[in-house]
PDB file of N, CA and C in Angstrom:
ATOM      1  N   MET A   1      61.770 157.753 106.908  1.00  0.00           N
ATOM      2  CA  MET A   1      62.511 156.956 107.022  1.00  0.00           C
ATOM      3  C   MET A   1      64.005 157.346 106.843  1.00  0.00           C
ATOM      4  N   LYS A   2      64.128 156.297 107.094  1.00  0.00           N
ATOM      5  CA  LYS A   2      66.052 156.897 107.215  1.00  0.00           C
ATOM      6  C   LYS A   2      66.793 156.423 105.851  1.00  0.00           C
ATOM      7  N   ARG A   3      67.630 157.486 105.458  1.00  0.00           N
ATOM      8  CA  ARG A   3      68.634 157.769 104.215  1.00  0.00           C
ATOM      9  C   ARG A   3      69.240 156.604 104.387  1.00  0.00           C
ATOM     10  N   VAL A   4      69.650 155.854 103.246  1.00  0.00           N
ATOM     11  CA  VAL A   4      70.911 154.779 103.415  1.00  0.00           C
ATOM     12  C   VAL A   4      72.297 155.304 103.190  1.00  0.00           C
ATOM     13  N   LYS A   5      72.951 155.111 104.555  1.00  0.00           N
ATOM     14  CA  LYS A   5      74.165 155.455 103.870  1.00  0.00           C
ATOM     15  C   LYS A   5      75.262 154.527 102.705  1.00  0.00           C
ATOM     16  N   ARG A   6      75.702 155.599 102.204  1.00  0.00           N
ATOM     17  CA  ARG A   6      76.414 154.849 100.811  1.00  0.00           C
ATOM     18  C   ARG A   6      78.185 154.634 100.958  1.00  0.00           C
ATOM     19  N   ARG A   7      79.159 154.006 100.829  1.00  0.00           N
ATOM     20  CA  ARG A   7      80.483 153.779 100.204  1.00  0.00           C
ATOM     21  C   ARG A   7      80.635 153.291  98.968  1.00  0.00           C
ATOM     22  N   TYR A   8      81.599 154.000  98.563  1.00  0.00           N
ATOM     23  CA  TYR A   8      82.291 153.618  97.196  1.00  0.00           C
ATOM     24  C   TYR A   8      83.218 153.572  97.048  1.00  0.00           C
ATOM     25  N   LEU A   9      83.892 152.033  96.795  1.00  0.00           N
ATOM     26  CA  LEU A   9      85.140 151.371  96.748  1.00  0.00           C
ATOM     27  C   LEU A   9      85.859 151.798  95.222  1.00  0.00           C
ATOM     28  N   ALA A  10      86.623 151.476  95.440  1.00  0.00           N
ATOM     29  CA  ALA A  10      87.811 151.609  94.233  1.00  0.00           C
ATOM     30  C   ALA A  10      88.689 150.061  94.380  1.00  0.00           C
ATOM     31  N   LEU A  11      88.866 149.331  93.803  1.00  0.00           N
ATOM     32  CA  LEU A  11      89.202 148.049  93.214  1.00  0.00           C
ATOM     33  C   LEU A  11      89.990 147.966  92.616  1.00  0.00           C
ATOM     34  N   GLN A  12      91.376 146.986  92.309  1.00  0.00           N
ATOM     35  CA  GLN A  12      92.136 147.034  90.890  1.00  0.00           C
ATOM     36  C   GLN A  12      91.825 145.280  90.979  1.00  0.00           C
ATOM     37  N   LEU A  13      91.698 144.975  90.087  1.00  0.00           N
ATOM     38  CA  LEU A  13      91.662 143.694  89.330  1.00  0.00           C
ATOM     39  C   LEU A  13      92.985 143.558  89.178  1.00  0.00           C
ATOM     40  N   GLU A  14      93.616 142.322  89.554  1.00  0.00           N
ATOM     41  CA  GLU A  14      94.924 141.601  89.335  1.00  0.00           C
ATOM     42  C   GLU A  14      94.500 140.430  88.373  1.00  0.00           C
ATOM     43  N   SER A  15      94.570 139.868  87.568  1.00  0.00           N
ATOM     44  CA  SER A  15      94.532 138.989  86.649  1.00  0.00           C
ATOM     45  C   SER A  15      95.327 139.302  84.891  1.00  0.00           C
ATOM     46  N   GLU A  16      95.574 138.188  84.459  1.00  0.00           N
ATOM     47  CA  GLU A  16      96.542 138.092  83.057  1.00  0.00           C
ATOM     48  C   GLU A  16      95.825 138.541  81.723  1.00  0.00           C
ATOM     49  N   THR A  17      94.228 137.981  82.185  1.00  0.00           N
ATOM     50  CA  THR A  17      93.664 138.341  80.666  1.00  0.00           C
ATOM     51  C   THR A  17      92.465 140.155  81.498  1.00  0.00           C
ATOM     52  N   LEU A  18      91.726 140.437  80.617  1.00  0.00           N
ATOM     53  CA  LEU A  18      91.375 141.745  80.764  1.00  0.00           C
ATOM     54  C   LEU A  18      90.005 141.261  80.644  1.00  0.00           C
ATOM     55  N   SER A  19      89.027 141.648  81.946  1.00  0.00           N
ATOM     56  CA  SER A  19      87.949 140.686  82.069  1.00  0.00           C
ATOM     57  C   SER A  19      87.429 141.973  81.712  1.00  0.00           C
ATOM     58  N   SER A  20      85.532 141.735  81.671  1.00  0.00           N
ATOM     59  CA  SER A  20      84.688 142.775  81.511  1.00  0.00           C
ATOM     60  C   SER A  20      83.640 142.802  82.518  1.00  0.00           C
ATOM     61  N   GLU A  21      82.992 144.392  82.815  1.00  0.00           N
ATOM     62  CA  GLU A  21      82.541 144.354  83.485  1.00  0.00           C
ATOM     63  C   GLU A  21      81.269 143.334  84.031  1.00  0.00           C
ATOM     64  N   ARG A  22      80.666 142.686  83.077  1.00  0.00           N
ATOM     65  CA  ARG A  22      80.067 141.787  83.136  1.00  0.00           C
ATOM     66  C   ARG A  22      80.572 140.370  84.062  1.00  0.00           C
ATOM     67  N   GLU A  23      81.783 139.951  83.862  1.00  0.00           N
ATOM     68  CA  GLU A  23      82.099 138.781  84.226  1.00  0.00           C
ATOM     69  C   GLU A  23      82.261 139.124  85.708  1.00  0.00           C
ATOM     70  N   PHE A  24      83.106 140.577  86.005  1.00  0.00           N
ATOM     71  CA  PHE A  24      83.708 140.752  87.656  1.00  0.00           C
ATOM     72  C   PHE A  24      82.358 140.848  88.235  1.00  0.00           C
ATOM     73  N   MET A  25      81.682 141.446  87.868  1.00  0.00           N
ATOM     74  CA  MET A  25      80.490 141.601  88.859  1.00  0.00           C
ATOM     75  C   MET A  25      80.078 140.266  89.225  1.00  0.00           C
ATOM     76  N   ASP A  26      79.633 139.310  88.130  1.00  0.00           N
ATOM     77  CA  ASP A  26      79.199 137.532  88.481  1.00  0.00           C
ATOM     78  C   ASP A  26      80.356 137.190  89.311  1.00  0.00           C
ATOM     79  N   ALA A  27      81.905 137.374  89.146  1.00  0.00           N
ATOM     80  CA  ALA A  27      82.723 136.717  90.325  1.00  0.00           C
ATOM     81  C   ALA A  27      82.321 137.377  91.537  1.00  0.00           C
ATOM     82  N   VAL A  28      82.145 138.777  91.417  1.00  0.00           N
ATOM     83  CA  VAL A  28      81.717 139.457  93.310  1.00  0.00           C
ATOM     84  C   VAL A  28      80.147 138.830  93.837  1.00  0.00           C
ATOM     85  N   TRP A  29      79.409 138.665  92.921  1.00  0.00           N
ATOM     86  CA  TRP A  29      78.290 138.715  93.567  1.00  0.00           C
ATOM     87  C   TRP A  29      78.127 137.219  93.954  1.00  0.00           C
ATOM     88  N   ALA A  30      79.024 136.266  93.285  1.00  0.00           N
ATOM     89  CA  ALA A  30      79.057 135.018  93.319  1.00  0.00           C
ATOM     90  C   ALA A  30      79.750 134.582  94.693  1.00  0.00           C
ATOM     91  N   SER A  31      80.913 135.359  95.042  1.00  0.00           N
ATOM     92  CA  SER A  31      81.653 135.162  96.370  1.00  0.00           C
ATOM     93  C   SER A  31      80.658 136.064  97.262  1.00  0.00           C
ATOM     94  N   LEU A  32      80.218 136.773  97.185  1.00  0.00           N
ATOM     95  CA  LEU A  32      79.234 137.384  98.132  1.00  0.00           C
ATOM     96  C   LEU A  32      78.053 136.416  98.197  1.00  0.00           C
ATOM     97  N   THR A  33      77.769 135.655  97.581  1.00  0.00           N
ATOM     98  CA  THR A  33      76.352 134.845  97.713  1.00  0.00           C
ATOM     99  C   THR A  33      77.216 133.275  98.478  1.00  0.00           C
ATOM    100  N   LYS A  34      77.906 132.962  98.280  1.00  0.00           N
ATOM    101  CA  LYS A  34      78.613 132.013  98.649  1.00  0.00           C
ATOM    102  C   LYS A  34      79.262 132.322 100.171  1.00  0.00           C
ATOM    103  N   LEU A  35      79.337 132.962 100.133  1.00  0.00           N
ATOM    104  CA  LEU A  35      79.641 133.997 101.849  1.00  0.00           C
ATOM    105  C   LEU A  35      78.547 134.202 103.068  1.00  0.00           C
ATOM    106  N   TYR A  36      77.570 134.749 102.417  1.00  0.00           N
ATOM    107  CA  TYR A  36      76.587 135.269 103.238  1.00  0.00           C
ATOM    108  C   TYR A  36      75.253 134.991 102.572  1.00  0.00           C
ATOM    109  N   GLY A  37      75.157 134.103 102.121  1.00  0.00           N
ATOM    110  CA  GLY A  37      73.999 133.900 101.258  1.00  0.00           C
ATOM    111  C   GLY A  37      73.222 135.386 100.328  1.00  0.00           C
ATOM    112  N   GLU A  38      71.719 134.286 100.112  1.00  0.00           N
ATOM    113  CA  GLU A  38      70.997 135.516  99.052  1.00  0.00           C
ATOM    114  C   GLU A  38      70.885 137.002 100.073  1.00  0.00           C
ATOM    115  N   VAL A  39      70.580 136.849 101.143  1.00  0.00           N
ATOM    116  CA  VAL A  39      69.904 137.712 102.458  1.00  0.00           C
ATOM    117  C   VAL A  39      70.899 138.582 102.488  1.00  0.00           C
ATOM    118  N   GLY A  40      72.197 138.231 102.480  1.00  0.00           N
ATOM    119  CA  GLY A  40      73.340 138.997 103.035  1.00  0.00           C
ATOM    120  C   GLY A  40      73.737 139.963 101.534  1.00  0.00           C
ATOM    121  N   ALA A  41      73.701 139.629 100.074  1.00  0.00           N
ATOM    122  CA  ALA A  41      74.132 139.874  99.469  1.00  0.00           C
ATOM    123  C   ALA A  41      73.168 140.607  98.792  1.00  0.00           C
ATOM    124  N   SER A  42      71.659 140.436  99.257  1.00  0.00           N
ATOM    125  CA  SER A  42      70.931 141.796  98.716  1.00  0.00           C
ATOM    126  C   SER A  42      70.789 143.348  99.928  1.00  0.00           C
ATOM    127  N   LEU A  43      71.567 142.859 100.710  1.00  0.00           N
ATOM    128  CA  LEU A  43      71.648 143.779 102.052  1.00  0.00           C
ATOM    129  C   LEU A  43      72.765 144.281 101.475  1.00  0.00           C
ATOM    130  N   ALA A  44      73.797 144.232 100.691  1.00  0.00           N
ATOM    131  CA  ALA A  44      74.878 144.925 100.661  1.00  0.00           C
ATOM    132  C   ALA A  44      74.455 145.800  99.274  1.00  0.00           C
ATOM    133  N   GLY A  45      73.926 145.836  98.910  1.00  0.00           N
ATOM    134  CA  GLY A  45      73.387 146.686  97.434  1.00  0.00           C
ATOM    135  C   GLY A  45      74.347 147.247  96.689  1.00  0.00           C
ATOM    136  N   LEU A  46      75.235 146.058  96.065  1.00  0.00           N
ATOM    137  CA  LEU A  46      76.562 146.442  95.192  1.00  0.00           C
ATOM    138  C   LEU A  46      75.981 146.796  93.990  1.00  0.00           C
ATOM    139  N   VAL A  47      76.490 148.135  93.516  1.00  0.00           N
ATOM    140  CA  VAL A  47      76.224 148.769  92.423  1.00  0.00           C
ATOM    141  C   VAL A  47      77.586 149.015  91.639  1.00  0.00           C
ATOM    142  N   LEU A  48      77.912 148.564  89.743  1.00  0.00           N
ATOM    143  CA  LEU A  48      79.124 148.779  89.896  1.00  0.00           C
ATOM    144  C   LEU A  48      78.751 150.626  89.095  1.00  0.00           C
ATOM    145  N   ILE A  49      79.788 151.288  89.667  1.00  0.00           N
ATOM    146  CA  ILE A  49      79.579 152.678  89.067  1.00  0.00           C
ATOM    147  C   ILE A  49      80.290 152.992  87.731  1.00  0.00           C
ATOM    148  N   ASN A  50      81.190 152.375  87.821  1.00  0.00           N
ATOM    149  CA  ASN A  50      82.565 152.904  86.520  1.00  0.00           C
ATOM    150  C   ASN A  50      83.890 151.539  86.446  1.00  0.00           C
ATOM    151  N   PHE A  51      84.163 151.707  85.170  1.00  0.00           N
ATOM    152  CA  PHE A  51      85.547 150.641  84.644  1.00  0.00           C
ATOM    153  C   PHE A  51      86.346 151.008  84.056  1.00  0.00           C
ATOM    154  N   ASP A  52      87.574 150.974  84.846  1.00  0.00           N
ATOM    155  CA  ASP A  52      89.029 151.729  83.628  1.00  0.00           C
ATOM    156  C   ASP A  52      89.465 150.364  83.250  1.00  0.00           C
ATOM    157  N   GLY A  53      88.694 150.569  81.888  1.00  0.00           N
ATOM    158  CA  GLY A  53      89.513 149.069  81.470  1.00  0.00           C
ATOM    159  C   GLY A  53      91.528 148.802  81.222  1.00  0.00           C
ATOM    160  N   GLU A  54      92.093 149.952  81.096  1.00  0.00           N
ATOM    161  CA  GLU A  54      93.401 150.228  80.727  1.00  0.00           C
ATOM    162  C   GLU A  54      94.120 149.831  82.410  1.00  0.00           C
ATOM    163  N   ARG A  55      93.851 150.477  83.432  1.00  0.00           N
ATOM    164  CA  ARG A  55      94.261 149.915  84.520  1.00  0.00           C
ATOM    165  C   ARG A  55      93.498 149.181  85.145  1.00  0.00           C
ATOM    166  N   LYS A  56      92.362 148.402  84.820  1.00  0.00           N
ATOM    167  CA  LYS A  56      91.739 147.685  85.064  1.00  0.00           C
ATOM    168  C   LYS A  56      91.350 148.322  87.210  1.00  0.00           C
ATOM    169  N   ILE A  57      90.732 148.951  86.823  1.00  0.00           N
ATOM    170  CA  ILE A  57      90.232 149.638  87.978  1.00  0.00           C
ATOM    171  C   ILE A  57      88.489 149.759  87.999  1.00  0.00           C
ATOM    172  N   PHE A  58      87.877 149.282  89.027  1.00  0.00           N
ATOM    173  CA  PHE A  58      86.413 149.693  89.122  1.00  0.00           C
ATOM    174  C   PHE A  58      86.030 149.635  90.291  1.00  0.00           C
ATOM    175  N   VAL A  59      85.177 150.486  90.519  1.00  0.00           N
ATOM    176  CA  VAL A  59      84.740 151.754  91.389  1.00  0.00           C
ATOM    177  C   VAL A  59      83.277 150.968  91.285  1.00  0.00           C
ATOM    178  N   VAL A  60      82.868 150.486  92.533  1.00  0.00           N
ATOM    179  CA  VAL A  60      81.316 150.160  92.917  1.00  0.00           C
ATOM    180  C   VAL A  60      81.069 150.643  94.562  1.00  0.00           C
ATOM    181  N   ARG A  61      79.234 150.535  94.328  1.00  0.00           N
ATOM    182  CA  ARG A  61      78.679 151.339  95.424  1.00  0.00           C
ATOM    183  C   ARG A  61      78.389 150.315  96.420  1.00  0.00           C
ATOM    184  N   SER A  62      78.426 150.543  97.446  1.00  0.00           N
ATOM    185  CA  SER A  62      77.898 149.654  98.617  1.00  0.00           C
ATOM    186  C   SER A  62      77.170 150.177  99.834  1.00  0.00           C
ATOM    187  N   SER A  63      76.531 149.585 100.770  1.00  0.00           N
ATOM    188  CA  SER A  63      75.664 150.517 101.830  1.00  0.00           C
ATOM    189  C   SER A  63      76.910 150.293 103.297  1.00  0.00           C
ATOM    190  N   LEU A  64      76.676 151.239 103.901  1.00  0.00           N
ATOM    191  CA  LEU A  64      77.713 151.476 104.915  1.00  0.00           C
ATOM    192  C   LEU A  64      77.738 150.480 106.344  1.00  0.00           C
ATOM    193  N   ALA A  65      76.448 149.779 106.006  1.00  0.00           N
ATOM    194  CA  ALA A  65      76.165 148.803 106.985  1.00  0.00           C
ATOM    195  C   ALA A  65      76.847 147.352 106.729  1.00  0.00           C
ATOM    196  N   SER A  66      76.922 146.888 105.229  1.00  0.00           N
ATOM    197  CA  SER A  66      77.378 145.560 104.699  1.00  0.00           C
ATOM    198  C   SER A  66      78.946 145.924 104.416  1.00  0.00           C
ATOM    199  N   LEU A  67      79.477 146.919 104.754  1.00  0.00           N
ATOM    200  CA  LEU A  67      80.800 147.375 103.917  1.00  0.00           C
ATOM    201  C   LEU A  67      82.013 146.182 103.899  1.00  0.00           C
ATOM    202  N   SER A  68      81.776 146.106 105.543  1.00  0.00           N
ATOM    203  CA  SER A  68      82.741 144.649 105.910  1.00  0.00           C
ATOM    204  C   SER A  68      82.428 143.503 105.348  1.00  0.00           C
ATOM    205  N   MET A  69      81.634 143.107 105.063  1.00  0.00           N
ATOM    206  CA  MET A  69      81.284 141.625 104.298  1.00  0.00           C
ATOM    207  C   MET A  69      81.436 142.147 102.911  1.00  0.00           C
ATOM    208  N   VAL A  70      81.423 143.393 102.504  1.00  0.00           N
ATOM    209  CA  VAL A  70      81.610 142.916 100.703  1.00  0.00           C
ATOM    210  C   VAL A  70      83.114 142.819 100.959  1.00  0.00           C
ATOM    211  N   ARG A  71      84.004 143.816 101.856  1.00  0.00           N
ATOM    212  CA  ARG A  71      85.607 143.812 101.604  1.00  0.00           C
ATOM    213  C   ARG A  71      85.710 141.923 101.739  1.00  0.00           C
ATOM    214  N   ALA A  72      84.992 141.744 102.547  1.00  0.00           N
ATOM    215  CA  ALA A  72      85.438 139.956 103.055  1.00  0.00           C
ATOM    216  C   ALA A  72      84.991 139.340 101.983  1.00  0.00           C
ATOM    217  N   SER A  73      84.010 138.987 100.797  1.00  0.00           N
ATOM    218  CA  SER A  73      83.699 138.765 100.087  1.00  0.00           C
ATOM    219  C   SER A  73      84.354 139.101  98.713  1.00  0.00           C
ATOM    220  N   LEU A  74      85.535 140.250  98.539  1.00  0.00           N
ATOM    221  CA  LEU A  74      85.815 140.453  97.163  1.00  0.00           C
ATOM    222  C   LEU A  74      87.400 139.841  97.900  1.00  0.00           C
ATOM    223  N   ALA A  75      87.614 139.682  99.215  1.00  0.00           N
ATOM    224  CA  ALA A  75      89.086 138.898  99.542  1.00  0.00           C
ATOM    225  C   ALA A  75      88.970 137.633  99.093  1.00  0.00           C
ATOM    226  N   ALA A  76      87.755 137.343  99.101  1.00  0.00           N
ATOM    227  CA  ALA A  76      87.717 135.742  98.773  1.00  0.00           C
ATOM    228  C   ALA A  76      87.308 135.229  97.233  1.00  0.00           C
ATOM    229  N   VAL A  77      87.584 136.339  96.458  1.00  0.00           N
ATOM    230  CA  VAL A  77      87.150 136.194  94.660  1.00  0.00           C
ATOM    231  C   VAL A  77      88.705 135.687  94.190  1.00  0.00           C
ATOM    232  N   THR A  78      88.319 134.591  94.074  1.00  0.00           N
ATOM    233  CA  THR A  78      89.731 133.547  93.298  1.00  0.00           C
ATOM    234  C   THR A  78      90.293 133.546  92.341  1.00  0.00           C
ATOM    235  N   ALA A  79      88.687 133.526  90.973  1.00  0.00           N
ATOM    236  CA  ALA A  79      88.666 133.393  90.040  1.00  0.00           C
ATOM    237  C   ALA A  79      87.980 134.672  89.262  1.00  0.00           C
ATOM    238  N   VAL A  80      88.459 135.088  87.857  1.00  0.00           N
ATOM    239  CA  VAL A  80      87.415 135.804  86.947  1.00  0.00           C
ATOM    240  C   VAL A  80      87.026 135.687  85.901  1.00  0.00           C
ATOM    241  N   ALA A  81      85.619 134.769  85.093  1.00  0.00           N
ATOM    242  CA  ALA A  81      85.396 134.011  83.908  1.00  0.00           C
ATOM    243  C   ALA A  81      86.253 132.999  83.544  1.00  0.00           C
ATOM    244  N   GLY A  82      86.914 132.074  85.154  1.00  0.00           N
ATOM    245  CA  GLY A  82      87.420 130.893  84.568  1.00  0.00           C
ATOM    246  C   GLY A  82      89.178 131.486  84.879  1.00  0.00           C
ATOM    247  N   LYS A  83      89.406 132.386  84.898  1.00  0.00           N
ATOM    248  CA  LYS A  83      90.635 132.918  85.133  1.00  0.00           C
ATOM    249  C   LYS A  83      90.988 133.164  86.825  1.00  0.00           C
ATOM    250  N   ALA A  84      92.377 132.800  87.282  1.00  0.00           N
ATOM    251  CA  ALA A  84      93.053 132.959  88.591  1.00  0.00           C
ATOM    252  C   ALA A  84      92.968 134.561  88.290  1.00  0.00           C
ATOM    253  N   ALA A  85      92.866 134.966  89.501  1.00  0.00           N
ATOM    254  CA  ALA A  85      92.352 136.529  89.652  1.00  0.00           C
ATOM    255  C   ALA A  85      92.342 137.268  91.064  1.00  0.00           C
ATOM    256  N   SER A  86      92.912 137.918  91.116  1.00  0.00           N
ATOM    257  CA  SER A  86      92.592 139.208  93.103  1.00  0.00           C
ATOM    258  C   SER A  86      92.053 140.422  92.696  1.00  0.00           C
ATOM    259  N   VAL A  87      91.314 140.659  94.132  1.00  0.00           N
ATOM    260  CA  VAL A  87      90.666 142.186  94.063  1.00  0.00           C
ATOM    261  C   VAL A  87      91.895 142.347  94.947  1.00  0.00           C
ATOM    262  N   HIS A  88      92.198 144.002  95.252  1.00  0.00           N
ATOM    263  CA  HIS A  88      92.192 144.640  95.780  1.00  0.00           C
ATOM    264  C   HIS A  88      91.891 145.678  96.271  1.00  0.00           C
ATOM    265  N   VAL A  89      91.601 146.276  97.401  1.00  0.00           N
ATOM    266  CA  VAL A  89      90.939 147.446  97.536  1.00  0.00           C
ATOM    267  C   VAL A  89      91.986 148.260  97.557  1.00  0.00           C
ATOM    268  N   LEU A  90      91.540 149.287  96.880  1.00  0.00           N
ATOM    269  CA  LEU A  90      92.268 150.745  96.583  1.00  0.00           C
ATOM    270  C   LEU A  90      92.316 151.323  97.773  1.00  0.00           C
ATOM    271  N   SER A  91      90.786 152.231  97.594  1.00  0.00           N
ATOM    272  CA  SER A  91      90.384 152.985  98.702  1.00  0.00           C
ATOM    273  C   SER A  91      88.658 153.135  98.928  1.00  0.00           C
ATOM    274  N   VAL A  92      88.365 153.808 100.226  1.00  0.00           N
ATOM    275  CA  VAL A  92      87.043 153.741 100.371  1.00  0.00           C
ATOM    276  C   VAL A  92      86.523 154.813 100.531  1.00  0.00           C
ATOM    277  N   SER A  93      85.562 155.550 100.178  1.00  0.00           N
ATOM    278  CA  SER A  93      85.116 156.585 100.482  1.00  0.00           C
ATOM    279  C   SER A  93      83.511 157.031 100.753  1.00  0.00           C
ATOM    280  N   GLY A  94      83.234 158.388 100.926  1.00  0.00           N
ATOM    281  CA  GLY A  94      81.581 158.522 101.272  1.00  0.00           C
ATOM    282  C   GLY A  94      81.316 158.875  99.871  1.00  0.00           C
ATOM    283  N   THR A  95      82.495 159.900  98.737  1.00  0.00           N
ATOM    284  CA  THR A  95      81.919 160.548  97.745  1.00  0.00           C
ATOM    285  C   THR A  95      82.109 160.017  96.925  1.00  0.00           C
ATOM    286  N   LEU A  96      82.152 160.536  95.319  1.00  0.00           N
ATOM    287  CA  LEU A  96      83.212 159.561  94.400  1.00  0.00           C
ATOM    288  C   LEU A  96      83.782 160.869  93.835  1.00  0.00           C
ATOM    289  N   LYS A  97      83.695 162.075  94.291  1.00  0.00           N
ATOM    290  CA  LYS A  97      84.848 163.095  94.683  1.00  0.00           C
ATOM    291  C   LYS A  97      85.877 162.369  95.074  1.00  0.00           C
ATOM    292  N   ALA A  98      85.692 162.537  96.543  1.00  0.00           N
ATOM    293  CA  ALA A  98      86.811 162.101  97.452  1.00  0.00           C
ATOM    294  C   ALA A  98      87.851 160.763  96.560  1.00  0.00           C
ATOM    295  N   LEU A  99      86.723 159.693  96.612  1.00  0.00           N
ATOM    296  CA  LEU A  99      87.230 158.425  96.177  1.00  0.00           C
ATOM    297  C   LEU A  99      88.582 158.638  94.531  1.00  0.00           C
ATOM    298  N   TYR A 100      87.743 159.759  93.778  1.00  0.00           N
ATOM    299  CA  TYR A 100      88.754 160.117  92.272  1.00  0.00           C
ATOM    300  C   TYR A 100      90.054 160.636  92.944  1.00  0.00           C
ATOM    301  N   ALA A 101      89.687 161.780  94.077  1.00  0.00           N
ATOM    302  CA  ALA A 101      90.836 161.772  94.341  1.00  0.00           C
ATOM    303  C   ALA A 101      91.810 161.397  94.948  1.00  0.00           C
ATOM    304  N   ASN A 102      91.503 160.115  95.725  1.00  0.00           N
ATOM    305  CA  ASN A 102      92.389 159.075  96.509  1.00  0.00           C
ATOM    306  C   ASN A 102      93.426 158.592  95.564  1.00  0.00           C
ATOM    307  N   ILE A 103      92.808 158.192  94.080  1.00  0.00           N
ATOM    308  CA  ILE A 103      93.026 157.095  93.554  1.00  0.00           C
ATOM    309  C   ILE A 103      93.989 158.020  91.950  1.00  0.00           C
ATOM    310  N   GLY A 104      93.607 158.948  92.085  1.00  0.00           N
ATOM    311  CA  GLY A 104      94.032 159.848  91.261  1.00  0.00           C
ATOM    312  C   GLY A 104      93.914 159.467  89.456  1.00  0.00           C
TER     313      GLY A 104
END
């Protein structure tokens, strides 16, 4: 059985209000499902790893095979919890240690 390779993404949420972890992930899942359907969303294996409320930075994990799909769906996020928002990818890495070193 082949091991699933994963990538970690550091994401910056740009919005006027502070959104909860749940609201953010709901917006990302909705965008992923809208672009690629249920099957594409399930292949992404998207999981929230960490959330920094002060800096509005989210760390998520996805599969390497679906990384381009995840990045496209993040670019398509226009609102979180009904408020205008955008998501920027700060860094992508294969390990959490390297990811945290890149974002400081």
